[in-house]
Amino acid sequence: MLEGMNDTIAAVSTPLAGAGLGVVRISGAAAVDIAERIFDSVGGRKLSEIAGYTALFGHVHDTDGVIDECVALRFAAPHSYTGDDTVELSCHGGVYILRRVLRAAIAAGARQAEAGEFTRRAFLNGKLDLSEAESVMNLIGAQSREEHAAALAGRQGAVYDAVTDCRDRLVSLSADIAAWVDFPDEDVPYVTADGLVSGLREVDGKLERLIAGFESGRLMREGIDTAIVGKPNVGKSTVMNLLVGCRRSIVTDVAGTTRDVIEESVMLGEVKLRLSDTAGLHDTADEVERIGVDMADSRLRRCQLAIAVFDGSRALDEDDRRLLSALDGKPCVAIINKADLPQIIERGAIEAAVDCTVTVAAGSGLGTDEIAAAVAAVAERWKIDPSAPLLQSERQRDCCVRCREHLSAAIDAAASGVTIDAVGVCISDGLTALAELTGECVSDSVIDDVFSRFCVGK
């Protein structure tokens, strides 16, 4: 886990794309020395002469000469993101410039940082716990107000605080058991099975709520599983393309063009959807088309939200009515398409069967705002409090699940009259699972896996 910790690392910490500004970050014991080898301030002052959180303007260079104008910002250990001495070189954000500055830093003695290595050092230096570290990437990848708020709460310790509260209660119970077992003749509080069970169930309830919130948090991060369904030629693929903003699905006047399930993630207002464009739902003798219809039917059954498309220029037929029947109890937005044609569809029958109904002309590119508003209204049922502690990863969820399993064993042991010290062993195992969540007791392989998901430069 400590291998390479003494190296000074460097990486481009902004996207490698043309931009007004780009940053090369250098962090480690030799960060200031390395930066001084490739940076000269206009006034001649050295980075080693200035205090942390102080900047100098000058030029960054390599052996071939000046690369660009530059602002060098120094962060002195331990008051930096990583906890080590750090220098950030801010230049114009050209790809060539940033790559050349990075090469200059490496030639001056730095090592190319690995994925997530800056944040990994922050974790190893005690600047943040493992749950807060995982929130960093969710914060970077946030695409909605709620997703940002949830990631920010995690970065500020919401999950850590909730887990620490559970840990402290278990430590207190474990200490009571240890005192009772080790010093039976001393004046220590009497430990009863009922008291232990009550305390353990209190913690178990908190963990249960954390685990339940994980699914809601995952919906927010990954998107609501949404299927676009309807009979052939009603405009499902056109609606898909309208929502995605590009030609993602093939659109023709030939019924049955879509035979596979086409998937795409989109932000619709503040709601993230995992969209699936499906084959038209209808009876068919075509064997290949039948496979697509079966897949569409399966997606409809297991999706969380249905966007059902109907042709407003035609009356409801048997295929439409079978679809309305299949939507019974399913969260749904109905889209009456082809509003640019004379409307004869029985709108009332649709409105009676679904949550929200909107009329659009998807082929003319009209209706995105109306669909977004309808989806937002239906998605309210999945709305969560993003400031609440929300588990950020499957790893965190697994730690809570394993802790609950050990608590269940402890509760069963206490209730069945097993010796108190045996209950203490189960509690200890539960504490180990929570310590793995926060990173207080975690293997190198787990740490490697967490930070392998990070981008280079963070």
Protein backbone atom coordinates (compact mmCIF):
# COMPACT_ATOMS: atom_id res chain seq x y z
CA MET A 1 0.00 0.00 0.00
CA LEU A 2 2.91 2.37 0.68
CA GLU A 3 4.87 1.46 -2.45
CA GLY A 4 5.68 4.61 -4.42
CA MET A 5 4.43 6.92 -1.66
CA ASN A 6 7.82 8.65 -1.50
CA ASP A 7 7.74 9.47 -5.22
CA THR A 8 6.76 12.90 -6.40
CA ILE A 9 3.98 12.50 -8.94
CA ALA A 10 2.64 14.70 -11.72
CA ALA A 11 -0.36 14.65 -14.05
CA VAL A 12 -2.60 16.88 -16.12
CA SER A 13 -5.57 17.50 -13.81
CA THR A 14 -7.85 19.15 -16.35
CA PRO A 15 -9.35 17.56 -19.49
CA LEU A 16 -6.96 17.16 -22.40
CA ALA A 17 -8.94 19.34 -24.79
CA GLY A 18 -8.62 22.86 -26.06
CA ALA A 19 -9.61 25.21 -23.23
CA GLY A 20 -8.81 28.62 -21.81
CA LEU A 21 -7.00 27.09 -18.84
CA GLY A 22 -5.24 23.83 -18.02
CA VAL A 23 -3.55 22.59 -14.86
CA VAL A 24 -0.58 20.30 -14.31
CA ARG A 25 -0.43 19.12 -10.70
CA ILE A 26 2.82 18.06 -9.02
CA SER A 27 2.64 16.49 -5.54
CA GLY A 28 5.19 14.92 -3.22
CA ALA A 29 8.21 15.75 -1.09
CA ALA A 30 10.15 17.14 -4.08
CA ALA A 31 7.21 19.01 -5.67
CA VAL A 32 8.59 22.49 -5.01
CA ASP A 33 12.13 21.57 -6.15
CA ILE A 34 10.83 20.02 -9.37
CA ALA A 35 8.54 22.97 -10.08
CA GLU A 36 11.41 25.40 -9.57
CA ARG A 37 13.43 23.55 -12.23
CA ILE A 38 10.80 24.27 -14.88
CA PHE A 39 9.21 27.53 -13.67
CA ASP A 40 10.67 31.03 -13.41
CA SER A 41 8.66 33.87 -11.88
CA VAL A 42 8.67 37.29 -13.49
CA GLY A 43 10.03 38.92 -10.34
CA GLY A 44 12.65 36.28 -9.73
CA ARG A 45 11.08 34.92 -6.53
CA LYS A 46 11.33 31.18 -5.86
CA LEU A 47 8.43 28.92 -4.98
CA SER A 48 10.45 27.74 -1.96
CA GLU A 49 10.43 31.33 -0.67
CA ILE A 50 6.66 31.76 -0.57
CA ALA A 51 4.08 30.42 1.84
CA GLY A 52 1.40 27.89 1.05
CA TYR A 53 -1.70 29.12 -0.82
CA THR A 54 0.47 31.74 -2.55
CA ALA A 55 0.90 32.12 -6.29
CA LEU A 56 3.60 33.46 -8.59
CA PHE A 57 3.27 34.54 -12.22
CA GLY A 58 5.97 33.63 -14.70
CA HIS A 59 6.89 31.17 -17.43
CA VAL A 60 7.15 27.39 -17.55
CA HIS A 61 9.92 25.95 -19.70
CA ASP A 62 11.83 22.81 -20.66
CA THR A 63 15.28 22.30 -22.17
CA ASP A 64 13.98 23.61 -25.52
CA GLY A 65 12.83 26.92 -24.07
CA VAL A 66 9.69 28.66 -22.85
CA ILE A 67 6.49 26.65 -23.16
CA ASP A 68 3.90 29.13 -21.94
CA GLU A 69 3.00 31.84 -19.47
CA CYS A 70 2.09 30.24 -16.17
CA VAL A 71 0.70 30.83 -12.70
CA ALA A 72 2.34 28.54 -10.12
CA LEU A 73 0.30 27.97 -6.96
CA ARG A 74 1.99 26.39 -3.96
CA PHE A 75 0.25 24.26 -1.31
CA ALA A 76 2.46 23.44 1.67
CA ALA A 77 2.12 20.10 3.47
CA PRO A 78 0.04 19.08 5.30
CA HIS A 79 -2.46 21.70 4.18
CA SER A 80 -3.00 20.42 0.63
CA TYR A 81 -5.42 18.07 -1.07
CA THR A 82 -2.99 15.15 -0.87
CA GLY A 83 -1.39 16.15 2.44
CA ASP A 84 1.98 16.47 0.64
CA ASP A 85 3.71 19.53 -0.78
CA THR A 86 1.90 20.36 -4.01
CA VAL A 87 2.39 22.81 -6.87
CA GLU A 88 -0.24 23.46 -9.52
CA LEU A 89 0.96 24.98 -12.79
CA SER A 90 -1.87 26.79 -14.59
CA CYS A 91 -1.24 27.47 -18.29
CA HIS A 92 -3.32 27.94 -21.40
CA GLY A 93 -5.35 24.76 -21.90
CA GLY A 94 -3.95 23.57 -25.20
CA VAL A 95 -3.32 19.84 -25.48
CA TYR A 96 0.21 20.33 -26.79
CA ILE A 97 1.06 22.84 -24.03
CA LEU A 98 -0.19 20.61 -21.21
CA ARG A 99 1.55 17.51 -22.51
CA ARG A 100 4.81 19.38 -22.90
CA VAL A 101 4.58 20.85 -19.38
CA LEU A 102 3.90 17.37 -17.99
CA ARG A 103 6.89 15.96 -19.87
CA ALA A 104 9.03 18.78 -18.47
CA ALA A 105 7.93 17.93 -14.91
CA ILE A 106 8.70 14.24 -15.45
CA ALA A 107 12.11 15.08 -16.95
CA ALA A 108 12.78 17.22 -13.87
CA GLY A 109 12.24 14.26 -11.53
CA ALA A 110 8.52 13.60 -11.15
CA ARG A 111 6.74 10.35 -11.97
CA GLN A 112 3.55 10.12 -14.04
CA ALA A 113 0.69 9.75 -11.56
CA GLU A 114 -1.49 6.67 -11.78
CA ALA A 115 -5.28 6.78 -11.94
CA GLY A 116 -6.63 8.28 -8.72
CA GLU A 117 -3.20 8.55 -7.13
CA PHE A 118 -3.65 12.10 -5.82
CA THR A 119 -6.85 11.12 -4.02
CA ARG A 120 -5.28 7.84 -2.91
CA ARG A 121 -2.50 9.81 -1.22
CA ALA A 122 -5.11 12.04 0.40
CA PHE A 123 -6.71 8.90 1.83
CA LEU A 124 -3.41 7.37 2.97
CA ASN A 125 -2.38 10.68 4.56
CA GLY A 126 -5.63 10.84 6.53
CA LYS A 127 -7.12 13.78 4.63
CA LEU A 128 -10.32 11.85 3.91
CA ASP A 129 -11.76 8.41 4.57
CA LEU A 130 -12.46 5.82 1.88
CA SER A 131 -16.18 6.64 1.63
CA GLU A 132 -15.35 10.32 1.11
CA ALA A 133 -12.77 9.36 -1.52
CA GLU A 134 -15.39 7.38 -3.46
CA SER A 135 -17.65 10.43 -3.40
CA VAL A 136 -14.99 12.44 -5.25
CA MET A 137 -15.56 10.61 -8.54
CA ASN A 138 -19.34 10.82 -8.09
CA LEU A 139 -18.92 14.56 -7.55
CA ILE A 140 -16.90 14.88 -10.76
CA GLY A 141 -19.42 12.80 -12.72
CA ALA A 142 -22.57 14.45 -11.30
CA GLN A 143 -25.04 15.42 -14.05
CA SER A 144 -27.98 16.72 -12.00
CA ARG A 145 -28.65 18.91 -8.99
CA GLU A 146 -29.64 15.94 -6.83
CA GLU A 147 -26.68 13.83 -7.94
CA HIS A 148 -24.31 16.71 -7.15
CA ALA A 149 -25.90 17.32 -3.74
CA ALA A 150 -25.67 13.63 -2.82
CA ALA A 151 -22.03 13.36 -3.91
CA LEU A 152 -21.17 16.58 -2.07
CA ALA A 153 -22.82 15.28 1.10
CA GLY A 154 -20.76 12.09 0.79
CA ARG A 155 -17.57 14.09 0.22
CA GLN A 156 -18.34 16.12 3.33
CA GLY A 157 -18.69 12.98 5.43
CA ALA A 158 -22.42 12.17 5.51
CA VAL A 159 -21.83 8.42 5.03
CA TYR A 160 -18.79 8.44 7.32
CA ASP A 161 -20.78 10.14 10.08
CA ALA A 162 -23.67 7.66 9.77
CA VAL A 163 -21.32 4.66 9.80
CA THR A 164 -19.27 6.11 12.67
CA ASP A 165 -22.46 6.51 14.69
CA CYS A 166 -23.17 2.78 14.21
CA ARG A 167 -19.56 1.91 14.98
CA ASP A 168 -19.52 3.94 18.21
CA ARG A 169 -22.67 2.20 19.45
CA LEU A 170 -21.17 -1.23 18.68
CA VAL A 171 -17.89 -0.28 20.37
CA SER A 172 -19.85 0.74 23.46
CA LEU A 173 -21.70 -2.60 23.51
CA SER A 174 -18.44 -4.48 22.94
CA ALA A 175 -16.77 -2.57 25.78
CA ASP A 176 -19.63 -3.43 28.14
CA ILE A 177 -19.26 -7.11 27.25
CA ALA A 178 -15.47 -7.04 27.70
CA ALA A 179 -15.74 -5.35 31.09
CA TRP A 180 -18.39 -7.82 32.26
CA VAL A 181 -16.41 -10.86 31.08
CA ASP A 182 -12.96 -9.73 32.20
CA PHE A 183 -13.88 -8.17 35.53
CA PRO A 184 -16.84 -10.12 36.90
CA ASP A 185 -16.01 -9.23 40.50
CA GLU A 186 -15.66 -5.51 39.87
CA ASP A 187 -18.40 -2.93 40.10
CA VAL A 188 -19.29 -2.87 36.38
CA PRO A 189 -22.76 -2.54 34.84
CA TYR A 190 -24.62 -5.82 34.52
CA VAL A 191 -24.93 -6.94 30.89
CA THR A 192 -28.25 -8.54 30.01
CA ALA A 193 -29.27 -10.36 26.85
CA ASP A 194 -32.29 -8.07 26.45
CA GLY A 195 -30.09 -4.99 26.70
CA LEU A 196 -27.67 -6.34 24.10
CA VAL A 197 -30.45 -7.32 21.71
CA SER A 198 -32.05 -3.88 22.03
CA GLY A 199 -28.77 -2.12 21.27
CA LEU A 200 -27.92 -4.41 18.38
CA ARG A 201 -31.35 -3.98 16.80
CA GLU A 202 -30.97 -0.21 17.04
CA VAL A 203 -27.76 -0.36 14.99
CA ASP A 204 -29.22 -2.94 12.62
CA GLY A 205 -32.14 -0.61 11.89
CA LYS A 206 -29.78 2.22 10.97
CA LEU A 207 -27.83 -0.02 8.63
CA GLU A 208 -31.04 -1.31 7.10
CA ARG A 209 -32.06 2.26 6.26
CA LEU A 210 -28.64 2.96 4.73
CA ILE A 211 -28.93 -0.12 2.52
CA ALA A 212 -32.49 0.76 1.49
CA GLY A 213 -31.32 4.23 0.47
CA PHE A 214 -28.62 2.75 -1.76
CA GLU A 215 -31.12 1.69 -4.43
CA SER A 216 -32.59 5.19 -4.55
CA GLY A 217 -29.10 6.64 -4.78
CA ARG A 218 -28.22 4.26 -7.59
CA LEU A 219 -31.29 5.38 -9.55
CA MET A 220 -30.08 8.95 -9.17
CA ARG A 221 -26.53 8.11 -10.34
CA GLU A 222 -27.25 5.53 -13.05
CA GLY A 223 -30.67 6.67 -14.20
CA ILE A 224 -34.21 5.28 -14.16
CA ASP A 225 -34.52 2.13 -16.28
CA THR A 226 -36.92 3.36 -18.97
CA ALA A 227 -38.44 1.49 -21.93
CA ILE A 228 -39.98 3.23 -24.95
CA VAL A 229 -42.80 0.93 -26.02
CA GLY A 230 -45.68 0.85 -28.47
CA LYS A 231 -46.89 -0.90 -31.59
CA PRO A 232 -44.96 -0.58 -34.89
CA ASN A 233 -44.81 2.74 -36.73
CA VAL A 234 -46.10 4.96 -33.94
CA GLY A 235 -42.76 6.83 -33.76
CA LYS A 236 -40.89 5.14 -30.91
CA SER A 237 -37.50 5.50 -32.59
CA THR A 238 -38.28 9.11 -33.52
CA VAL A 239 -39.08 9.81 -29.86
CA MET A 240 -35.83 8.07 -28.87
CA ASN A 241 -33.84 10.25 -31.25
CA LEU A 242 -35.68 13.37 -30.04
CA LEU A 243 -34.78 12.67 -26.41
CA VAL A 244 -31.19 11.62 -27.15
CA GLY A 245 -30.64 14.64 -29.38
CA CYS A 246 -29.18 12.72 -32.31
CA ARG A 247 -30.03 9.89 -34.71
CA ARG A 248 -29.56 6.94 -32.37
CA SER A 249 -32.32 4.70 -33.79
CA ILE A 250 -33.05 4.02 -37.46
CA VAL A 251 -36.30 5.65 -38.55
CA THR A 252 -38.25 4.57 -41.69
CA ASP A 253 -41.87 4.30 -42.77
CA VAL A 254 -41.51 0.51 -42.82
CA ALA A 255 -43.21 -1.14 -39.84
CA GLY A 256 -40.90 -3.32 -37.74
CA THR A 257 -37.67 -1.46 -38.56
CA THR A 258 -36.51 -1.74 -34.93
CA ARG A 259 -35.94 -5.42 -34.10
CA ASP A 260 -33.41 -5.15 -31.29
CA VAL A 261 -33.28 -3.16 -28.05
CA ILE A 262 -31.28 0.07 -28.47
CA GLU A 263 -30.06 1.68 -25.24
CA GLU A 264 -28.79 5.17 -24.35
CA SER A 265 -28.46 7.29 -21.20
CA VAL A 266 -29.90 10.81 -21.32
CA MET A 267 -30.53 13.74 -19.00
CA LEU A 268 -34.12 14.90 -19.39
CA GLY A 269 -34.25 18.10 -17.40
CA GLU A 270 -33.00 17.08 -13.95
CA VAL A 271 -33.92 13.40 -14.42
CA LYS A 272 -31.45 10.82 -15.70
CA LEU A 273 -32.94 8.00 -17.80
CA ARG A 274 -31.49 4.77 -19.15
CA LEU A 275 -33.57 4.68 -22.31
CA SER A 276 -34.33 1.55 -24.33
CA ASP A 277 -35.94 1.79 -27.75
CA THR A 278 -37.76 -1.49 -28.34
CA ALA A 279 -39.39 -3.36 -31.20
CA GLY A 280 -43.07 -2.73 -31.88
CA LEU A 281 -45.42 -4.78 -29.71
CA HIS A 282 -47.76 -6.76 -31.97
CA ASP A 283 -48.52 -10.25 -33.23
CA THR A 284 -46.18 -11.35 -36.01
CA ALA A 285 -45.40 -14.54 -37.92
CA ASP A 286 -41.87 -13.34 -38.73
CA GLU A 287 -39.53 -15.44 -36.58
CA VAL A 288 -36.80 -12.79 -36.32
CA GLU A 289 -39.28 -10.02 -35.62
CA ARG A 290 -40.92 -12.23 -32.98
CA ILE A 291 -37.62 -12.36 -31.07
CA GLY A 292 -37.52 -8.55 -30.99
CA VAL A 293 -41.14 -8.38 -29.84
CA ASP A 294 -40.43 -10.85 -27.02
CA MET A 295 -37.42 -8.76 -25.95
CA ALA A 296 -39.58 -5.63 -25.96
CA ASP A 297 -42.23 -7.37 -23.88
CA SER A 298 -39.55 -8.47 -21.39
CA ARG A 299 -38.14 -4.92 -21.14
CA LEU A 300 -41.63 -3.56 -20.50
CA ARG A 301 -42.20 -6.02 -17.64
CA ARG A 302 -38.95 -5.26 -15.84
CA CYS A 303 -38.43 -1.54 -16.56
CA GLN A 304 -39.01 1.01 -13.82
CA LEU A 305 -40.63 3.58 -16.10
CA ALA A 306 -42.45 3.11 -19.41
CA ILE A 307 -42.74 5.74 -22.13
CA ALA A 308 -45.68 4.44 -24.19
CA VAL A 309 -46.04 5.91 -27.67
CA PHE A 310 -49.34 6.07 -29.59
CA ASP A 311 -50.20 7.38 -33.06
CA GLY A 312 -52.60 10.27 -32.51
CA SER A 313 -53.78 10.16 -36.14
CA ARG A 314 -55.25 6.67 -35.70
CA ALA A 315 -57.88 5.13 -33.47
CA LEU A 316 -56.76 2.74 -30.73
CA ASP A 317 -56.57 -0.82 -32.02
CA GLU A 318 -56.13 -4.18 -30.30
CA ASP A 319 -52.34 -3.82 -30.04
CA ASP A 320 -52.74 -0.41 -28.35
CA ARG A 321 -55.30 -1.74 -25.91
CA ARG A 322 -53.13 -4.75 -25.00
CA LEU A 323 -50.32 -2.30 -24.26
CA LEU A 324 -52.57 -0.18 -22.03
CA SER A 325 -53.56 -3.32 -20.17
CA ALA A 326 -49.89 -4.29 -19.72
CA LEU A 327 -49.17 -0.82 -18.29
CA ASP A 328 -51.56 -1.36 -15.38
CA GLY A 329 -49.72 -0.34 -12.20
CA LYS A 330 -46.52 0.59 -14.09
CA PRO A 331 -45.18 4.17 -13.76
CA CYS A 332 -45.78 5.54 -17.24
CA VAL A 333 -45.73 8.60 -19.47
CA ALA A 334 -47.94 8.24 -22.55
CA ILE A 335 -46.89 10.13 -25.66
CA ILE A 336 -49.54 10.78 -28.29
CA ASN A 337 -47.34 11.34 -31.32
CA LYS A 338 -47.95 12.90 -34.76
CA ALA A 339 -49.73 15.98 -33.41
CA ASP A 340 -49.12 17.61 -36.80
CA LEU A 341 -51.74 15.28 -38.31
CA PRO A 342 -55.53 15.30 -37.69
CA GLN A 343 -56.16 13.69 -34.27
CA ILE A 344 -58.71 10.90 -33.93
CA ILE A 345 -57.23 8.78 -31.10
CA GLU A 346 -59.35 8.19 -27.98
CA ARG A 347 -57.24 10.29 -25.61
CA GLY A 348 -59.51 9.64 -22.62
CA ALA A 349 -58.84 5.90 -22.71
CA ILE A 350 -55.10 6.55 -22.54
CA GLU A 351 -55.33 9.16 -19.76
CA ALA A 352 -57.40 6.74 -17.67
CA ALA A 353 -54.67 4.10 -17.84
CA VAL A 354 -51.43 6.05 -17.27
CA ASP A 355 -49.90 8.68 -14.98
CA CYS A 356 -49.24 11.48 -17.50
CA THR A 357 -50.15 12.05 -21.14
CA VAL A 358 -48.53 14.53 -23.54
CA THR A 359 -49.09 15.28 -27.21
CA VAL A 360 -46.04 15.87 -29.43
CA ALA A 361 -44.86 15.92 -33.03
CA ALA A 362 -41.58 14.08 -32.59
CA GLY A 363 -40.88 13.97 -36.32
CA SER A 364 -40.81 17.78 -36.37
CA GLY A 365 -38.53 17.88 -33.33
CA LEU A 366 -41.28 19.27 -31.10
CA GLY A 367 -42.19 18.04 -27.65
CA THR A 368 -38.97 17.55 -25.66
CA ASP A 369 -39.95 20.07 -22.97
CA GLU A 370 -43.41 18.56 -22.58
CA ILE A 371 -41.99 15.03 -22.25
CA ALA A 372 -39.37 16.25 -19.75
CA ALA A 373 -42.06 17.88 -17.60
CA ALA A 374 -44.19 14.71 -17.65
CA VAL A 375 -41.22 12.47 -16.80
CA ALA A 376 -40.24 14.81 -13.94
CA ALA A 377 -43.78 14.58 -12.53
CA VAL A 378 -43.78 10.76 -12.62
CA ALA A 379 -40.19 10.57 -11.31
CA GLU A 380 -41.24 12.36 -8.11
CA ARG A 381 -42.00 8.91 -6.65
CA TRP A 382 -38.26 8.18 -6.70
CA LYS A 383 -37.26 11.55 -5.25
CA ILE A 384 -34.86 11.30 -2.31
CA ASP A 385 -33.19 13.67 0.11
CA PRO A 386 -29.73 14.08 -1.45
CA SER A 387 -28.34 15.57 1.77
CA ALA A 388 -29.07 12.30 3.61
CA PRO A 389 -26.28 9.73 3.94
CA LEU A 390 -26.42 7.67 0.73
CA LEU A 391 -24.08 4.76 0.16
CA GLN A 392 -22.00 5.59 -2.92
CA SER A 393 -20.94 2.16 -4.19
CA GLU A 394 -21.64 -1.57 -4.18
CA ARG A 395 -18.53 -1.92 -1.99
CA GLN A 396 -20.05 0.26 0.70
CA ARG A 397 -23.37 -1.57 0.46
CA ASP A 398 -21.60 -4.94 0.78
CA CYS A 399 -19.83 -3.77 3.95
CA CYS A 400 -23.17 -2.78 5.50
CA VAL A 401 -24.79 -6.07 4.45
CA ARG A 402 -21.94 -8.08 5.99
CA CYS A 403 -22.13 -6.06 9.19
CA ARG A 404 -25.87 -6.77 9.43
CA GLU A 405 -25.20 -10.47 8.97
CA HIS A 406 -22.81 -10.43 11.92
CA LEU A 407 -25.29 -8.41 13.99
CA SER A 408 -28.01 -10.94 13.15
CA ALA A 409 -25.74 -13.70 14.43
CA ALA A 410 -25.05 -11.67 17.58
CA ILE A 411 -28.78 -11.10 18.18
CA ASP A 412 -29.52 -14.81 17.71
CA ALA A 413 -26.68 -15.73 20.05
CA ALA A 414 -27.81 -13.30 22.75
CA ALA A 415 -31.44 -14.39 22.49
CA SER A 416 -30.57 -18.10 22.66
CA GLY A 417 -28.54 -17.80 25.85
CA VAL A 418 -25.07 -18.31 24.35
CA THR A 419 -22.25 -16.96 26.50
CA ILE A 420 -21.89 -13.20 26.35
CA ASP A 421 -18.31 -13.32 25.08
CA ALA A 422 -19.52 -15.25 22.00
CA VAL A 423 -21.87 -12.34 21.26
CA GLY A 424 -18.84 -10.06 21.53
CA VAL A 425 -17.05 -12.02 18.80
CA CYS A 426 -19.95 -11.44 16.39
CA ILE A 427 -19.98 -7.73 17.24
CA SER A 428 -16.24 -7.57 16.58
CA ASP A 429 -16.75 -9.09 13.14
CA GLY A 430 -19.42 -6.47 12.43
CA LEU A 431 -17.03 -3.70 13.46
CA THR A 432 -14.44 -5.06 11.02
CA ALA A 433 -16.94 -4.76 8.16
CA LEU A 434 -17.65 -1.11 9.05
CA ALA A 435 -13.92 -0.39 9.36
CA GLU A 436 -13.49 -1.69 5.83
CA LEU A 437 -16.17 0.70 4.59
CA THR A 438 -14.39 3.76 5.99
CA GLY A 439 -10.94 2.40 5.11
CA GLU A 440 -9.71 2.09 8.70
CA CYS A 441 -9.14 -1.62 8.16
CA VAL A 442 -8.96 -2.50 4.50
CA SER A 443 -6.78 -4.62 2.22
CA ASP A 444 -4.50 -3.27 -0.49
CA SER A 445 -6.58 -5.02 -3.15
CA VAL A 446 -9.71 -3.15 -2.08
CA ILE A 447 -7.85 0.17 -2.14
CA ASP A 448 -6.42 -0.65 -5.57
CA ASP A 449 -9.91 -1.44 -6.87
CA VAL A 450 -11.44 1.78 -5.50
CA PHE A 451 -8.84 4.09 -6.99
CA SER A 452 -8.53 2.23 -10.30
CA ARG A 453 -11.93 3.74 -11.15
CA PHE A 454 -10.58 7.29 -10.87
CA CYS A 455 -9.32 9.43 -13.73
CA VAL A 456 -5.63 10.25 -14.00
CA GLY A 457 -5.02 13.66 -12.46
CA LYS A 458 -7.46 13.15 -9.60
